[in-house]
Amino acid sequence: SAAEPDLIVIGGRSAAKYGELSKIAPT
């Protein structure tokens, strides 16, 4: 959140966190 991203890219090991991360920025 502090980084104020314009885009977050996930995959594999981090895929399960899509729901939470997509609330912060487009994922």
mmCIF file of all heavy atoms, coordinates in Angstrom:
data_MODEL
# 
_entry.id   MODEL 
# 
loop_
_atom_site.group_PDB 
_atom_site.id 
_atom_site.type_symbol 
_atom_site.label_atom_id 
_atom_site.label_alt_id 
_atom_site.label_comp_id 
_atom_site.label_asym_id 
_atom_site.label_entity_id 
_atom_site.label_seq_id 
_atom_site.pdbx_PDB_ins_code 
_atom_site.Cartn_x 
_atom_site.Cartn_y 
_atom_site.Cartn_z 
_atom_site.occupancy 
_atom_site.B_iso_or_equiv 
_atom_site.pdbx_formal_charge 
_atom_site.auth_seq_id 
_atom_site.auth_comp_id 
_atom_site.auth_asym_id 
_atom_site.auth_atom_id 
_atom_site.pdbx_PDB_model_num 
ATOM 1   N N   . SER A 1 1  ? 0.826   -1.213  0.000   1.00 0.00 ? 1  SER A N   1 
ATOM 2   C CA  . SER A 1 1  ? 0.000   0.000   0.000   1.00 0.00 ? 1  SER A CA  1 
ATOM 3   C C   . SER A 1 1  ? 0.860   1.262   0.000   1.00 0.00 ? 1  SER A C   1 
ATOM 4   O O   . SER A 1 1  ? 0.575   2.233   -0.718  1.00 0.00 ? 1  SER A O   1 
ATOM 5   C CB  . SER A 1 1  ? -0.920  0.008   1.225   1.00 0.00 ? 1  SER A CB  1 
ATOM 6   O OG  . SER A 1 1  ? -1.853  -1.053  1.163   1.00 0.00 ? 1  SER A OG  1 
ATOM 7   N N   . ALA A 1 2  ? 1.931   1.233   0.791   1.00 0.00 ? 2  ALA A N   1 
ATOM 8   C CA  . ALA A 1 2  ? 2.807   2.404   0.888   1.00 0.00 ? 2  ALA A CA  1 
ATOM 9   C C   . ALA A 1 2  ? 3.485   2.717   -0.444  1.00 0.00 ? 2  ALA A C   1 
ATOM 10  O O   . ALA A 1 2  ? 3.789   3.875   -0.737  1.00 0.00 ? 2  ALA A O   1 
ATOM 11  C CB  . ALA A 1 2  ? 3.859   2.180   1.974   1.00 0.00 ? 2  ALA A CB  1 
ATOM 12  N N   . ALA A 1 3  ? 3.709   1.697   -1.253  1.00 0.00 ? 3  ALA A N   1 
ATOM 13  C CA  . ALA A 1 3  ? 4.367   1.888   -2.548  1.00 0.00 ? 3  ALA A CA  1 
ATOM 14  C C   . ALA A 1 3  ? 3.463   2.567   -3.571  1.00 0.00 ? 3  ALA A C   1 
ATOM 15  O O   . ALA A 1 3  ? 3.940   3.061   -4.591  1.00 0.00 ? 3  ALA A O   1 
ATOM 16  C CB  . ALA A 1 3  ? 4.847   0.540   -3.089  1.00 0.00 ? 3  ALA A CB  1 
ATOM 17  N N   . GLU A 1 4  ? 2.163   2.575   -3.320  1.00 0.00 ? 4  GLU A N   1 
ATOM 18  C CA  . GLU A 1 4  ? 1.173   3.177   -4.222  1.00 0.00 ? 4  GLU A CA  1 
ATOM 19  C C   . GLU A 1 4  ? 1.361   2.699   -5.669  1.00 0.00 ? 4  GLU A C   1 
ATOM 20  O O   . GLU A 1 4  ? 1.595   3.502   -6.579  1.00 0.00 ? 4  GLU A O   1 
ATOM 21  C CB  . GLU A 1 4  ? 1.252   4.712   -4.148  1.00 0.00 ? 4  GLU A CB  1 
ATOM 22  C CG  . GLU A 1 4  ? 0.934   5.254   -2.769  1.00 0.00 ? 4  GLU A CG  1 
ATOM 23  C CD  . GLU A 1 4  ? 0.953   6.782   -2.729  1.00 0.00 ? 4  GLU A CD  1 
ATOM 24  O OE1 . GLU A 1 4  ? 1.601   7.386   -3.603  1.00 0.00 ? 4  GLU A OE1 1 
ATOM 25  O OE2 . GLU A 1 4  ? 0.316   7.344   -1.820  1.00 0.00 ? 4  GLU A OE2 1 
ATOM 26  N N   . PRO A 1 5  ? 1.250   1.386   -5.884  1.00 0.00 ? 5  PRO A N   1 
ATOM 27  C CA  . PRO A 1 5  ? 1.514   0.842   -7.222  1.00 0.00 ? 5  PRO A CA  1 
ATOM 28  C C   . PRO A 1 5  ? 0.417   1.176   -8.235  1.00 0.00 ? 5  PRO A C   1 
ATOM 29  O O   . PRO A 1 5  ? -0.743  1.369   -7.866  1.00 0.00 ? 5  PRO A O   1 
ATOM 30  C CB  . PRO A 1 5  ? 1.555   -0.666  -6.963  1.00 0.00 ? 5  PRO A CB  1 
ATOM 31  C CG  . PRO A 1 5  ? 0.649   -0.874  -5.786  1.00 0.00 ? 5  PRO A CG  1 
ATOM 32  C CD  . PRO A 1 5  ? 0.881   0.336   -4.916  1.00 0.00 ? 5  PRO A CD  1 
ATOM 33  N N   . ASP A 1 6  ? 0.826   1.230   -9.489  1.00 0.00 ? 6  ASP A N   1 
ATOM 34  C CA  . ASP A 1 6  ? -0.129  1.356   -10.589 1.00 0.00 ? 6  ASP A CA  1 
ATOM 35  C C   . ASP A 1 6  ? -0.533  -0.023  -11.107 1.00 0.00 ? 6  ASP A C   1 
ATOM 36  O O   . ASP A 1 6  ? -1.584  -0.176  -11.736 1.00 0.00 ? 6  ASP A O   1 
ATOM 37  C CB  . ASP A 1 6  ? 0.490   2.167   -11.732 1.00 0.00 ? 6  ASP A CB  1 
ATOM 38  C CG  . ASP A 1 6  ? 0.860   3.574   -11.303 1.00 0.00 ? 6  ASP A CG  1 
ATOM 39  O OD1 . ASP A 1 6  ? -0.049  4.282   -10.844 1.00 0.00 ? 6  ASP A OD1 1 
ATOM 40  O OD2 . ASP A 1 6  ? 2.046   3.940   -11.394 1.00 0.00 ? 6  ASP A OD2 1 
ATOM 41  N N   . LEU A 1 7  ? 0.324   -1.022  -10.848 1.00 0.00 ? 7  LEU A N   1 
ATOM 42  C CA  . LEU A 1 7  ? 0.056   -2.397  -11.288 1.00 0.00 ? 7  LEU A CA  1 
ATOM 43  C C   . LEU A 1 7  ? 0.773   -3.363  -10.367 1.00 0.00 ? 7  LEU A C   1 
ATOM 44  O O   . LEU A 1 7  ? 1.920   -3.128  -9.962  1.00 0.00 ? 7  LEU A O   1 
ATOM 45  C CB  . LEU A 1 7  ? 0.552   -2.611  -12.729 1.00 0.00 ? 7  LEU A CB  1 
ATOM 46  C CG  . LEU A 1 7  ? 0.455   -4.049  -13.272 1.00 0.00 ? 7  LEU A CG  1 
ATOM 47  C CD1 . LEU A 1 7  ? -1.002  -4.476  -13.417 1.00 0.00 ? 7  LEU A CD1 1 
ATOM 48  C CD2 . LEU A 1 7  ? 1.176   -4.167  -14.610 1.00 0.00 ? 7  LEU A CD2 1 
ATOM 49  N N   . ILE A 1 8  ? 0.090   -4.468  -10.039 1.00 0.00 ? 8  ILE A N   1 
ATOM 50  C CA  . ILE A 1 8  ? 0.695   -5.564  -9.276  1.00 0.00 ? 8  ILE A CA  1 
ATOM 51  C C   . ILE A 1 8  ? 0.632   -6.810  -10.143 1.00 0.00 ? 8  ILE A C   1 
ATOM 52  O O   . ILE A 1 8  ? -0.414  -7.144  -10.692 1.00 0.00 ? 8  ILE A O   1 
ATOM 53  C CB  . ILE A 1 8  ? -0.043  -5.804  -7.946  1.00 0.00 ? 8  ILE A CB  1 
ATOM 54  C CG1 . ILE A 1 8  ? -0.035  -4.538  -7.084  1.00 0.00 ? 8  ILE A CG1 1 
ATOM 55  C CG2 . ILE A 1 8  ? 0.581   -6.975  -7.191  1.00 0.00 ? 8  ILE A CG2 1 
ATOM 56  C CD1 . ILE A 1 8  ? -0.917  -4.636  -5.847  1.00 0.00 ? 8  ILE A CD1 1 
ATOM 57  N N   . VAL A 1 9  ? 1.773   -7.504  -10.249 1.00 0.00 ? 9  VAL A N   1 
ATOM 58  C CA  . VAL A 1 9  ? 1.843   -8.731  -11.040 1.00 0.00 ? 9  VAL A CA  1 
ATOM 59  C C   . VAL A 1 9  ? 2.125   -9.895  -10.098 1.00 0.00 ? 9  VAL A C   1 
ATOM 60  O O   . VAL A 1 9  ? 3.100   -9.873  -9.339  1.00 0.00 ? 9  VAL A O   1 
ATOM 61  C CB  . VAL A 1 9  ? 2.947   -8.652  -12.114 1.00 0.00 ? 9  VAL A CB  1 
ATOM 62  C CG1 . VAL A 1 9  ? 2.972   -9.933  -12.944 1.00 0.00 ? 9  VAL A CG1 1 
ATOM 63  C CG2 . VAL A 1 9  ? 2.733   -7.434  -13.020 1.00 0.00 ? 9  VAL A CG2 1 
ATOM 64  N N   . ILE A 1 10 ? 1.265   -10.917 -10.153 1.00 0.00 ? 10 ILE A N   1 
ATOM 65  C CA  . ILE A 1 10 ? 1.440   -12.103 -9.320  1.00 0.00 ? 10 ILE A CA  1 
ATOM 66  C C   . ILE A 1 10 ? 1.460   -13.341 -10.209 1.00 0.00 ? 10 ILE A C   1 
ATOM 67  O O   . ILE A 1 10 ? 1.231   -13.273 -11.415 1.00 0.00 ? 10 ILE A O   1 
ATOM 68  C CB  . ILE A 1 10 ? 0.319   -12.229 -8.268  1.00 0.00 ? 10 ILE A CB  1 
ATOM 69  C CG1 . ILE A 1 10 ? -1.047  -12.404 -8.960  1.00 0.00 ? 10 ILE A CG1 1 
ATOM 70  C CG2 . ILE A 1 10 ? 0.306   -11.032 -7.341  1.00 0.00 ? 10 ILE A CG2 1 
ATOM 71  C CD1 . ILE A 1 10 ? -2.189  -12.710 -8.005  1.00 0.00 ? 10 ILE A CD1 1 
ATOM 72  N N   . GLY A 1 11 ? 1.707   -14.484 -9.576  1.00 0.00 ? 11 GLY A N   1 
ATOM 73  C CA  . GLY A 1 11 ? 1.684   -15.743 -10.313 1.00 0.00 ? 11 GLY A CA  1 
ATOM 74  C C   . GLY A 1 11 ? 2.186   -16.860 -9.430  1.00 0.00 ? 11 GLY A C   1 
ATOM 75  O O   . GLY A 1 11 ? 3.000   -16.646 -8.523  1.00 0.00 ? 11 GLY A O   1 
ATOM 76  N N   . GLY A 1 12 ? 1.708   -18.065 -9.676  1.00 0.00 ? 12 GLY A N   1 
ATOM 77  C CA  . GLY A 1 12 ? 2.217   -19.228 -8.951  1.00 0.00 ? 12 GLY A CA  1 
ATOM 78  C C   . GLY A 1 12 ? 1.995   -19.124 -7.458  1.00 0.00 ? 12 GLY A C   1 
ATOM 79  O O   . GLY A 1 12 ? 0.867   -19.129 -6.955  1.00 0.00 ? 12 GLY A O   1 
ATOM 80  N N   . ARG A 1 13 ? 3.092   -18.993 -6.718  1.00 0.00 ? 13 ARG A N   1 
ATOM 81  C CA  . ARG A 1 13 ? 3.047   -19.008 -5.258  1.00 0.00 ? 13 ARG A CA  1 
ATOM 82  C C   . ARG A 1 13 ? 2.191   -17.886 -4.678  1.00 0.00 ? 13 ARG A C   1 
ATOM 83  O O   . ARG A 1 13 ? 1.628   -18.029 -3.600  1.00 0.00 ? 13 ARG A O   1 
ATOM 84  C CB  . ARG A 1 13 ? 4.468   -18.928 -4.705  1.00 0.00 ? 13 ARG A CB  1 
ATOM 85  C CG  . ARG A 1 13 ? 5.349   -20.130 -5.067  1.00 0.00 ? 13 ARG A CG  1 
ATOM 86  C CD  . ARG A 1 13 ? 6.807   -19.860 -4.705  1.00 0.00 ? 13 ARG A CD  1 
ATOM 87  N NE  . ARG A 1 13 ? 7.657   -21.029 -4.892  1.00 0.00 ? 13 ARG A NE  1 
ATOM 88  C CZ  . ARG A 1 13 ? 8.272   -21.320 -6.035  1.00 0.00 ? 13 ARG A CZ  1 
ATOM 89  N NH1 . ARG A 1 13 ? 8.106   -20.524 -7.098  1.00 0.00 ? 13 ARG A NH1 1 
ATOM 90  N NH2 . ARG A 1 13 ? 9.034   -22.402 -6.133  1.00 0.00 ? 13 ARG A NH2 1 
ATOM 91  N N   . SER A 1 14 ? 2.127   -16.756 -5.365  1.00 0.00 ? 14 SER A N   1 
ATOM 92  C CA  . SER A 1 14 ? 1.373   -15.602 -4.841  1.00 0.00 ? 14 SER A CA  1 
ATOM 93  C C   . SER A 1 14 ? -0.058  -15.528 -5.362  1.00 0.00 ? 14 SER A C   1 
ATOM 94  O O   . SER A 1 14 ? -0.814  -14.629 -4.982  1.00 0.00 ? 14 SER A O   1 
ATOM 95  C CB  . SER A 1 14 ? 2.110   -14.300 -5.194  1.00 0.00 ? 14 SER A CB  1 
ATOM 96  O OG  . SER A 1 14 ? 2.359   -14.215 -6.591  1.00 0.00 ? 14 SER A OG  1 
ATOM 97  N N   . ALA A 1 15 ? -0.447  -16.472 -6.211  1.00 0.00 ? 15 ALA A N   1 
ATOM 98  C CA  . ALA A 1 15 ? -1.765  -16.396 -6.862  1.00 0.00 ? 15 ALA A CA  1 
ATOM 99  C C   . ALA A 1 15 ? -2.921  -16.362 -5.867  1.00 0.00 ? 15 ALA A C   1 
ATOM 100 O O   . ALA A 1 15 ? -3.937  -15.701 -6.109  1.00 0.00 ? 15 ALA A O   1 
ATOM 101 C CB  . ALA A 1 15 ? -1.939  -17.575 -7.822  1.00 0.00 ? 15 ALA A CB  1 
ATOM 102 N N   . ALA A 1 16 ? -2.755  -17.030 -4.737  1.00 0.00 ? 16 ALA A N   1 
ATOM 103 C CA  . ALA A 1 16 ? -3.836  -17.092 -3.751  1.00 0.00 ? 16 ALA A CA  1 
ATOM 104 C C   . ALA A 1 16 ? -4.139  -15.732 -3.121  1.00 0.00 ? 16 ALA A C   1 
ATOM 105 O O   . ALA A 1 16 ? -5.187  -15.545 -2.501  1.00 0.00 ? 16 ALA A O   1 
ATOM 106 C CB  . ALA A 1 16 ? -3.486  -18.094 -2.653  1.00 0.00 ? 16 ALA A CB  1 
ATOM 107 N N   . LYS A 1 17 ? -3.233  -14.775 -3.289  1.00 0.00 ? 17 LYS A N   1 
ATOM 108 C CA  . LYS A 1 17 ? -3.416  -13.455 -2.676  1.00 0.00 ? 17 LYS A CA  1 
ATOM 109 C C   . LYS A 1 17 ? -4.049  -12.452 -3.634  1.00 0.00 ? 17 LYS A C   1 
ATOM 110 O O   . LYS A 1 17 ? -4.096  -11.249 -3.352  1.00 0.00 ? 17 LYS A O   1 
ATOM 111 C CB  . LYS A 1 17 ? -2.062  -12.921 -2.180  1.00 0.00 ? 17 LYS A CB  1 
ATOM 112 C CG  . LYS A 1 17 ? -1.303  -13.890 -1.287  1.00 0.00 ? 17 LYS A CG  1 
ATOM 113 C CD  . LYS A 1 17 ? -2.103  -14.304 -0.065  1.00 0.00 ? 17 LYS A CD  1 
ATOM 114 C CE  . LYS A 1 17 ? -1.306  -15.262 0.817   1.00 0.00 ? 17 LYS A CE  1 
ATOM 115 N NZ  . LYS A 1 17 ? -2.072  -15.718 1.978   1.00 0.00 ? 17 LYS A NZ  1 
ATOM 116 N N   . TYR A 1 18 ? -4.551  -12.936 -4.750  1.00 0.00 ? 18 TYR A N   1 
ATOM 117 C CA  . TYR A 1 18 ? -5.112  -12.045 -5.770  1.00 0.00 ? 18 TYR A CA  1 
ATOM 118 C C   . TYR A 1 18 ? -6.214  -11.143 -5.209  1.00 0.00 ? 18 TYR A C   1 
ATOM 119 O O   . TYR A 1 18 ? -6.233  -9.927  -5.452  1.00 0.00 ? 18 TYR A O   1 
ATOM 120 C CB  . TYR A 1 18 ? -5.655  -12.865 -6.937  1.00 0.00 ? 18 TYR A CB  1 
ATOM 121 C CG  . TYR A 1 18 ? -6.391  -12.044 -7.969  1.00 0.00 ? 18 TYR A CG  1 
ATOM 122 C CD1 . TYR A 1 18 ? -5.690  -11.279 -8.896  1.00 0.00 ? 18 TYR A CD1 1 
ATOM 123 C CD2 . TYR A 1 18 ? -7.788  -12.018 -8.002  1.00 0.00 ? 18 TYR A CD2 1 
ATOM 124 C CE1 . TYR A 1 18 ? -6.357  -10.511 -9.835  1.00 0.00 ? 18 TYR A CE1 1 
ATOM 125 C CE2 . TYR A 1 18 ? -8.466  -11.246 -8.938  1.00 0.00 ? 18 TYR A CE2 1 
ATOM 126 C CZ  . TYR A 1 18 ? -7.748  -10.501 -9.850  1.00 0.00 ? 18 TYR A CZ  1 
ATOM 127 O OH  . TYR A 1 18 ? -8.414  -9.726  -10.772 1.00 0.00 ? 18 TYR A OH  1 
ATOM 128 N N   . GLY A 1 19 ? -7.133  -11.729 -4.446  1.00 0.00 ? 19 GLY A N   1 
ATOM 129 C CA  . GLY A 1 19 ? -8.275  -10.974 -3.940  1.00 0.00 ? 19 GLY A CA  1 
ATOM 130 C C   . GLY A 1 19 ? -7.862  -9.772  -3.116  1.00 0.00 ? 19 GLY A C   1 
ATOM 131 O O   . GLY A 1 19 ? -8.370  -8.661  -3.322  1.00 0.00 ? 19 GLY A O   1 
ATOM 132 N N   . GLU A 1 20 ? -6.943  -9.978  -2.182  1.00 0.00 ? 20 GLU A N   1 
ATOM 133 C CA  . GLU A 1 20 ? -6.513  -8.878  -1.312  1.00 0.00 ? 20 GLU A CA  1 
ATOM 134 C C   . GLU A 1 20 ? -5.695  -7.849  -2.081  1.00 0.00 ? 20 GLU A C   1 
ATOM 135 O O   . GLU A 1 20 ? -5.871  -6.638  -1.901  1.00 0.00 ? 20 GLU A O   1 
ATOM 136 C CB  . GLU A 1 20 ? -5.695  -9.437  -0.139  1.00 0.00 ? 20 GLU A CB  1 
ATOM 137 C CG  . GLU A 1 20 ? -6.503  -10.227 0.871   1.00 0.00 ? 20 GLU A CG  1 
ATOM 138 C CD  . GLU A 1 20 ? -7.616  -9.391  1.479   1.00 0.00 ? 20 GLU A CD  1 
ATOM 139 O OE1 . GLU A 1 20 ? -7.347  -8.244  1.890   1.00 0.00 ? 20 GLU A OE1 1 
ATOM 140 O OE2 . GLU A 1 20 ? -8.763  -9.875  1.531   1.00 0.00 ? 20 GLU A OE2 1 
ATOM 141 N N   . LEU A 1 21 ? -4.786  -8.303  -2.937  1.00 0.00 ? 21 LEU A N   1 
ATOM 142 C CA  . LEU A 1 21 ? -3.930  -7.370  -3.661  1.00 0.00 ? 21 LEU A CA  1 
ATOM 143 C C   . LEU A 1 21 ? -4.723  -6.531  -4.654  1.00 0.00 ? 21 LEU A C   1 
ATOM 144 O O   . LEU A 1 21 ? -4.428  -5.353  -4.868  1.00 0.00 ? 21 LEU A O   1 
ATOM 145 C CB  . LEU A 1 21 ? -2.813  -8.132  -4.381  1.00 0.00 ? 21 LEU A CB  1 
ATOM 146 C CG  . LEU A 1 21 ? -1.739  -8.722  -3.463  1.00 0.00 ? 21 LEU A CG  1 
ATOM 147 C CD1 . LEU A 1 21 ? -0.817  -9.656  -4.244  1.00 0.00 ? 21 LEU A CD1 1 
ATOM 148 C CD2 . LEU A 1 21 ? -0.925  -7.616  -2.795  1.00 0.00 ? 21 LEU A CD2 1 
ATOM 149 N N   . SER A 1 22 ? -5.758  -7.141  -5.252  1.00 0.00 ? 22 SER A N   1 
ATOM 150 C CA  . SER A 1 22 ? -6.539  -6.408  -6.253  1.00 0.00 ? 22 SER A CA  1 
ATOM 151 C C   . SER A 1 22 ? -7.372  -5.289  -5.630  1.00 0.00 ? 22 SER A C   1 
ATOM 152 O O   . SER A 1 22 ? -7.872  -4.413  -6.338  1.00 0.00 ? 22 SER A O   1 
ATOM 153 C CB  . SER A 1 22 ? -7.442  -7.369  -7.032  1.00 0.00 ? 22 SER A CB  1 
ATOM 154 O OG  . SER A 1 22 ? -8.372  -8.003  -6.180  1.00 0.00 ? 22 SER A OG  1 
ATOM 155 N N   . LYS A 1 23 ? -7.503  -5.313  -4.302  1.00 0.00 ? 23 LYS A N   1 
ATOM 156 C CA  . LYS A 1 23 ? -8.176  -4.209  -3.615  1.00 0.00 ? 23 LYS A CA  1 
ATOM 157 C C   . LYS A 1 23 ? -7.264  -2.985  -3.506  1.00 0.00 ? 23 LYS A C   1 
ATOM 158 O O   . LYS A 1 23 ? -7.732  -1.867  -3.299  1.00 0.00 ? 23 LYS A O   1 
ATOM 159 C CB  . LYS A 1 23 ? -8.612  -4.644  -2.212  1.00 0.00 ? 23 LYS A CB  1 
ATOM 160 C CG  . LYS A 1 23 ? -9.671  -5.728  -2.189  1.00 0.00 ? 23 LYS A CG  1 
ATOM 161 C CD  . LYS A 1 23 ? -9.948  -6.174  -0.764  1.00 0.00 ? 23 LYS A CD  1 
ATOM 162 C CE  . LYS A 1 23 ? -10.950 -7.331  -0.724  1.00 0.00 ? 23 LYS A CE  1 
ATOM 163 N NZ  . LYS A 1 23 ? -11.148 -7.822  0.666   1.00 0.00 ? 23 LYS A NZ  1 
ATOM 164 N N   . ILE A 1 24 ? -5.963  -3.219  -3.639  1.00 0.00 ? 24 ILE A N   1 
ATOM 165 C CA  . ILE A 1 24 ? -4.986  -2.134  -3.498  1.00 0.00 ? 24 ILE A CA  1 
ATOM 166 C C   . ILE A 1 24 ? -4.714  -1.462  -4.847  1.00 0.00 ? 24 ILE A C   1 
ATOM 167 O O   . ILE A 1 24 ? -4.622  -0.235  -4.936  1.00 0.00 ? 24 ILE A O   1 
ATOM 168 C CB  . ILE A 1 24 ? -3.671  -2.674  -2.898  1.00 0.00 ? 24 ILE A CB  1 
ATOM 169 C CG1 . ILE A 1 24 ? -3.937  -3.254  -1.495  1.00 0.00 ? 24 ILE A CG1 1 
ATOM 170 C CG2 . ILE A 1 24 ? -2.598  -1.587  -2.843  1.00 0.00 ? 24 ILE A CG2 1 
ATOM 171 C CD1 . ILE A 1 24 ? -2.748  -3.976  -0.888  1.00 0.00 ? 24 ILE A CD1 1 
ATOM 172 N N   . ALA A 1 25 ? -4.575  -2.278  -5.887  1.00 0.00 ? 25 ALA A N   1 
ATOM 173 C CA  . ALA A 1 25 ? -4.258  -1.752  -7.223  1.00 0.00 ? 25 ALA A CA  1 
ATOM 174 C C   . ALA A 1 25 ? -4.633  -2.801  -8.258  1.00 0.00 ? 25 ALA A C   1 
ATOM 175 O O   . ALA A 1 25 ? -4.817  -3.983  -7.920  1.00 0.00 ? 25 ALA A O   1 
ATOM 176 C CB  . ALA A 1 25 ? -2.770  -1.420  -7.318  1.00 0.00 ? 25 ALA A CB  1 
ATOM 177 N N   . PRO A 1 26 ? -4.758  -2.422  -9.536  1.00 0.00 ? 26 PRO A N   1 
ATOM 178 C CA  . PRO A 1 26 ? -5.010  -3.427  -10.580 1.00 0.00 ? 26 PRO A CA  1 
ATOM 179 C C   . PRO A 1 26 ? -3.971  -4.536  -10.509 1.00 0.00 ? 26 PRO A C   1 
ATOM 180 O O   . PRO A 1 26 ? -2.763  -4.271  -10.428 1.00 0.00 ? 26 PRO A O   1 
ATOM 181 C CB  . PRO A 1 26 ? -4.868  -2.613  -11.873 1.00 0.00 ? 26 PRO A CB  1 
ATOM 182 C CG  . PRO A 1 26 ? -5.204  -1.215  -11.481 1.00 0.00 ? 26 PRO A CG  1 
ATOM 183 C CD  . PRO A 1 26 ? -4.675  -1.047  -10.089 1.00 0.00 ? 26 PRO A CD  1 
ATOM 184 N N   . THR A 1 27 ? -4.442  -5.780  -10.500 1.00 0.00 ? 27 THR A N   1 
ATOM 185 C CA  . THR A 1 27 ? -3.569  -6.937  -10.306 1.00 0.00 ? 27 THR A CA  1 
ATOM 186 C C   . THR A 1 27 ? -3.827  -7.964  -11.394 1.00 0.00 ? 27 THR A C   1 
ATOM 187 O O   . THR A 1 27 ? -4.983  -8.264  -11.717 1.00 0.00 ? 27 THR A O   1 
ATOM 188 C CB  . THR A 1 27 ? -3.822  -7.573  -8.922  1.00 0.00 ? 27 THR A CB  1 
ATOM 189 O OG1 . THR A 1 27 ? -3.583  -6.586  -7.898  1.00 0.00 ? 27 THR A OG1 1 
ATOM 190 C CG2 . THR A 1 27 ? -2.925  -8.768  -8.680  1.00 0.00 ? 27 THR A CG2 1 
# 
